[in-house]
Amino acid sequence: MAANIASVIVQDPETHSGDPVFRGNRVPFQILLDYLEGGDTLDQFLEQYPGSSREIAIAALEEAKSALFTRLAK
């Protein structure tokens, strides 16, 4: 993982109704996924959400990938 943070995606019922957000800001992780799914680049996401960093965004994607592979391995 790119960042030395236990989890770069956090959930709090009082932040965006409990939707997963990037640690340190209130940007929902789903927005990054929507950008990428829509064909936008990571750079385009970062231009619109400058409070997020490339390192944290990549770490969040890696964390999501790892969680998916762990779930599929069961």
N, C-alpha and C. Protein backbone atom coordinates (compact mmCIF):
# COMPACT_ATOMS: atom_id res chain seq x y z
N MET A 1 0.85 -1.17 0.00
CA MET A 1 0.00 0.00 0.00
C MET A 1 0.89 1.23 0.00
N ALA A 2 0.48 2.26 -0.69
CA ALA A 2 1.30 3.45 -0.87
C ALA A 2 1.43 4.28 0.39
N ALA A 3 0.43 4.30 1.22
CA ALA A 3 0.46 5.15 2.42
C ALA A 3 0.63 4.29 3.66
N ASN A 4 1.30 4.83 4.66
CA ASN A 4 1.46 4.13 5.92
C ASN A 4 0.35 4.52 6.89
N ILE A 5 -0.86 4.26 6.49
CA ILE A 5 -2.03 4.58 7.30
C ILE A 5 -2.81 3.29 7.45
N ALA A 6 -3.28 2.99 8.67
CA ALA A 6 -3.98 1.74 8.90
C ALA A 6 -5.12 1.55 7.92
N SER A 7 -5.92 2.55 7.72
CA SER A 7 -7.00 2.49 6.75
C SER A 7 -7.20 3.89 6.20
N VAL A 8 -7.20 4.00 4.90
CA VAL A 8 -7.40 5.32 4.29
C VAL A 8 -8.87 5.57 3.99
N ILE A 9 -9.70 4.52 4.14
CA ILE A 9 -11.14 4.65 3.97
C ILE A 9 -11.77 4.44 5.33
N VAL A 10 -12.56 5.40 5.77
CA VAL A 10 -13.20 5.30 7.08
C VAL A 10 -14.70 5.52 6.96
N GLN A 11 -15.43 5.05 7.96
CA GLN A 11 -16.87 5.25 8.02
C GLN A 11 -17.24 5.80 9.38
N ASP A 12 -18.12 6.77 9.37
CA ASP A 12 -18.63 7.37 10.58
C ASP A 12 -20.10 7.69 10.31
N PRO A 13 -21.02 7.20 11.15
CA PRO A 13 -22.43 7.44 10.90
C PRO A 13 -22.79 8.92 10.82
N GLU A 14 -21.94 9.78 11.35
CA GLU A 14 -22.23 11.21 11.34
C GLU A 14 -21.56 11.95 10.17
N THR A 15 -20.86 11.21 9.32
CA THR A 15 -20.23 11.81 8.15
C THR A 15 -20.83 11.17 6.91
N HIS A 16 -21.51 11.96 6.10
CA HIS A 16 -22.14 11.47 4.87
C HIS A 16 -22.98 10.23 5.12
N SER A 17 -23.76 10.25 6.18
CA SER A 17 -24.67 9.14 6.52
C SER A 17 -23.96 7.80 6.63
N GLY A 18 -22.71 7.82 6.99
CA GLY A 18 -21.96 6.58 7.17
C GLY A 18 -21.32 6.03 5.91
N ASP A 19 -21.41 6.77 4.80
CA ASP A 19 -20.75 6.33 3.57
C ASP A 19 -19.24 6.33 3.78
N PRO A 20 -18.52 5.39 3.17
CA PRO A 20 -17.06 5.39 3.28
C PRO A 20 -16.48 6.67 2.68
N VAL A 21 -15.59 7.31 3.42
CA VAL A 21 -14.94 8.53 2.97
C VAL A 21 -13.43 8.38 3.15
N PHE A 22 -12.68 9.26 2.47
CA PHE A 22 -11.24 9.28 2.67
C PHE A 22 -10.92 9.83 4.05
N ARG A 23 -9.99 9.17 4.73
CA ARG A 23 -9.55 9.66 6.04
C ARG A 23 -8.98 11.06 5.86
N GLY A 24 -9.37 11.96 6.74
CA GLY A 24 -8.83 13.31 6.71
C GLY A 24 -9.65 14.31 5.93
N ASN A 25 -10.66 13.83 5.20
CA ASN A 25 -11.59 14.75 4.54
C ASN A 25 -12.95 14.08 4.42
N ARG A 26 -13.90 14.74 3.85
CA ARG A 26 -15.24 14.19 3.79
C ARG A 26 -15.62 13.74 2.38
N VAL A 27 -14.63 13.50 1.53
CA VAL A 27 -14.90 13.09 0.16
C VAL A 27 -15.26 11.60 0.15
N PRO A 28 -16.46 11.26 -0.30
CA PRO A 28 -16.84 9.84 -0.36
C PRO A 28 -15.98 9.06 -1.35
N PHE A 29 -15.56 7.89 -0.95
CA PHE A 29 -14.77 7.01 -1.81
C PHE A 29 -15.54 6.69 -3.09
N GLN A 30 -16.85 6.60 -3.00
CA GLN A 30 -17.68 6.30 -4.16
C GLN A 30 -17.49 7.31 -5.29
N ILE A 31 -17.20 8.55 -4.94
CA ILE A 31 -16.99 9.57 -5.98
C ILE A 31 -15.77 9.21 -6.83
N LEU A 32 -14.70 8.76 -6.20
CA LEU A 32 -13.53 8.33 -6.96
C LEU A 32 -13.90 7.18 -7.89
N LEU A 33 -14.63 6.20 -7.37
CA LEU A 33 -15.04 5.08 -8.21
C LEU A 33 -15.91 5.54 -9.37
N ASP A 34 -16.82 6.47 -9.10
CA ASP A 34 -17.69 7.00 -10.16
C ASP A 34 -16.87 7.69 -11.25
N TYR A 35 -15.88 8.47 -10.85
CA TYR A 35 -15.02 9.14 -11.83
C TYR A 35 -14.34 8.11 -12.72
N LEU A 36 -13.73 7.12 -12.10
CA LEU A 36 -13.00 6.12 -12.88
C LEU A 36 -13.93 5.29 -13.75
N GLU A 37 -15.07 4.93 -13.21
CA GLU A 37 -16.05 4.16 -13.98
C GLU A 37 -16.56 4.95 -15.18
N GLY A 38 -16.68 6.25 -15.02
CA GLY A 38 -17.15 7.11 -16.10
C GLY A 38 -16.09 7.43 -17.14
N GLY A 39 -14.87 6.92 -16.95
CA GLY A 39 -13.82 7.14 -17.93
C GLY A 39 -12.92 8.32 -17.62
N ASP A 40 -13.16 8.99 -16.49
CA ASP A 40 -12.29 10.09 -16.09
C ASP A 40 -11.01 9.54 -15.50
N THR A 41 -10.00 10.36 -15.45
CA THR A 41 -8.70 9.95 -14.90
C THR A 41 -8.60 10.31 -13.42
N LEU A 42 -7.62 9.73 -12.79
CA LEU A 42 -7.33 10.09 -11.41
C LEU A 42 -6.98 11.57 -11.32
N ASP A 43 -6.25 12.08 -12.30
CA ASP A 43 -5.90 13.50 -12.30
C ASP A 43 -7.15 14.39 -12.34
N GLN A 44 -8.15 13.99 -13.12
CA GLN A 44 -9.39 14.76 -13.19
C GLN A 44 -10.10 14.75 -11.84
N PHE A 45 -10.12 13.60 -11.18
CA PHE A 45 -10.70 13.52 -9.83
C PHE A 45 -9.96 14.46 -8.89
N LEU A 46 -8.63 14.42 -8.92
CA LEU A 46 -7.84 15.24 -8.01
C LEU A 46 -7.99 16.73 -8.29
N GLU A 47 -8.23 17.10 -9.54
CA GLU A 47 -8.49 18.51 -9.86
C GLU A 47 -9.78 18.98 -9.20
N GLN A 48 -10.79 18.13 -9.20
CA GLN A 48 -12.09 18.50 -8.61
C GLN A 48 -12.09 18.39 -7.09
N TYR A 49 -11.25 17.53 -6.55
CA TYR A 49 -11.19 17.31 -5.10
C TYR A 49 -9.75 17.47 -4.62
N PRO A 50 -9.24 18.69 -4.62
CA PRO A 50 -7.82 18.91 -4.29
C PRO A 50 -7.47 18.57 -2.84
N GLY A 51 -8.46 18.37 -2.00
CA GLY A 51 -8.18 17.94 -0.62
C GLY A 51 -7.75 16.49 -0.54
N SER A 52 -7.92 15.76 -1.63
CA SER A 52 -7.47 14.37 -1.70
C SER A 52 -6.11 14.34 -2.38
N SER A 53 -5.30 13.40 -2.01
CA SER A 53 -3.98 13.29 -2.62
C SER A 53 -3.91 12.03 -3.48
N ARG A 54 -2.99 12.04 -4.42
CA ARG A 54 -2.78 10.87 -5.28
C ARG A 54 -2.43 9.66 -4.41
N GLU A 55 -1.55 9.84 -3.44
CA GLU A 55 -1.12 8.74 -2.59
C GLU A 55 -2.30 8.11 -1.86
N ILE A 56 -3.16 8.95 -1.30
CA ILE A 56 -4.31 8.43 -0.55
C ILE A 56 -5.31 7.77 -1.49
N ALA A 57 -5.56 8.35 -2.66
CA ALA A 57 -6.50 7.76 -3.62
C ALA A 57 -6.01 6.39 -4.07
N ILE A 58 -4.74 6.28 -4.39
CA ILE A 58 -4.20 4.99 -4.81
C ILE A 58 -4.23 3.99 -3.67
N ALA A 59 -3.90 4.42 -2.47
CA ALA A 59 -3.95 3.54 -1.31
C ALA A 59 -5.38 3.05 -1.07
N ALA A 60 -6.36 3.91 -1.27
CA ALA A 60 -7.76 3.52 -1.09
C ALA A 60 -8.17 2.47 -2.12
N LEU A 61 -7.74 2.66 -3.36
CA LEU A 61 -8.04 1.66 -4.40
C LEU A 61 -7.36 0.33 -4.08
N GLU A 62 -6.13 0.39 -3.60
CA GLU A 62 -5.43 -0.84 -3.21
C GLU A 62 -6.13 -1.53 -2.04
N GLU A 63 -6.60 -0.74 -1.08
CA GLU A 63 -7.31 -1.29 0.07
C GLU A 63 -8.61 -1.97 -0.38
N ALA A 64 -9.33 -1.33 -1.29
CA ALA A 64 -10.58 -1.91 -1.81
C ALA A 64 -10.29 -3.19 -2.59
N LYS A 65 -9.23 -3.18 -3.38
CA LYS A 65 -8.85 -4.37 -4.14
C LYS A 65 -8.50 -5.52 -3.21
N SER A 66 -7.73 -5.23 -2.18
CA SER A 66 -7.34 -6.25 -1.22
C SER A 66 -8.56 -6.83 -0.51
N ALA A 67 -9.51 -5.97 -0.13
CA ALA A 67 -10.72 -6.44 0.54
C ALA A 67 -11.53 -7.34 -0.38
N LEU A 68 -11.61 -6.99 -1.66
CA LEU A 68 -12.34 -7.80 -2.62
C LEU A 68 -11.67 -9.16 -2.78
N PHE A 69 -10.36 -9.19 -2.97
CA PHE A 69 -9.66 -10.45 -3.14
C PHE A 69 -9.76 -11.32 -1.89
N THR A 70 -9.71 -10.72 -0.72
CA THR A 70 -9.87 -11.47 0.53
C THR A 70 -11.25 -12.09 0.59
N ARG A 71 -12.27 -11.32 0.21
CA ARG A 71 -13.64 -11.84 0.24
C ARG A 71 -13.81 -12.97 -0.77
N LEU A 72 -13.24 -12.84 -1.95
CA LEU A 72 -13.38 -13.86 -2.99
C LEU A 72 -12.63 -15.14 -2.63
N ALA A 73 -11.58 -15.03 -1.83
CA ALA A 73 -10.78 -16.19 -1.46
C ALA A 73 -11.48 -17.07 -0.43
N LYS A 74 -12.52 -16.55 0.19
CA LYS A 74 -13.22 -17.34 1.23
C LYS A 74 -14.13 -18.36 0.62
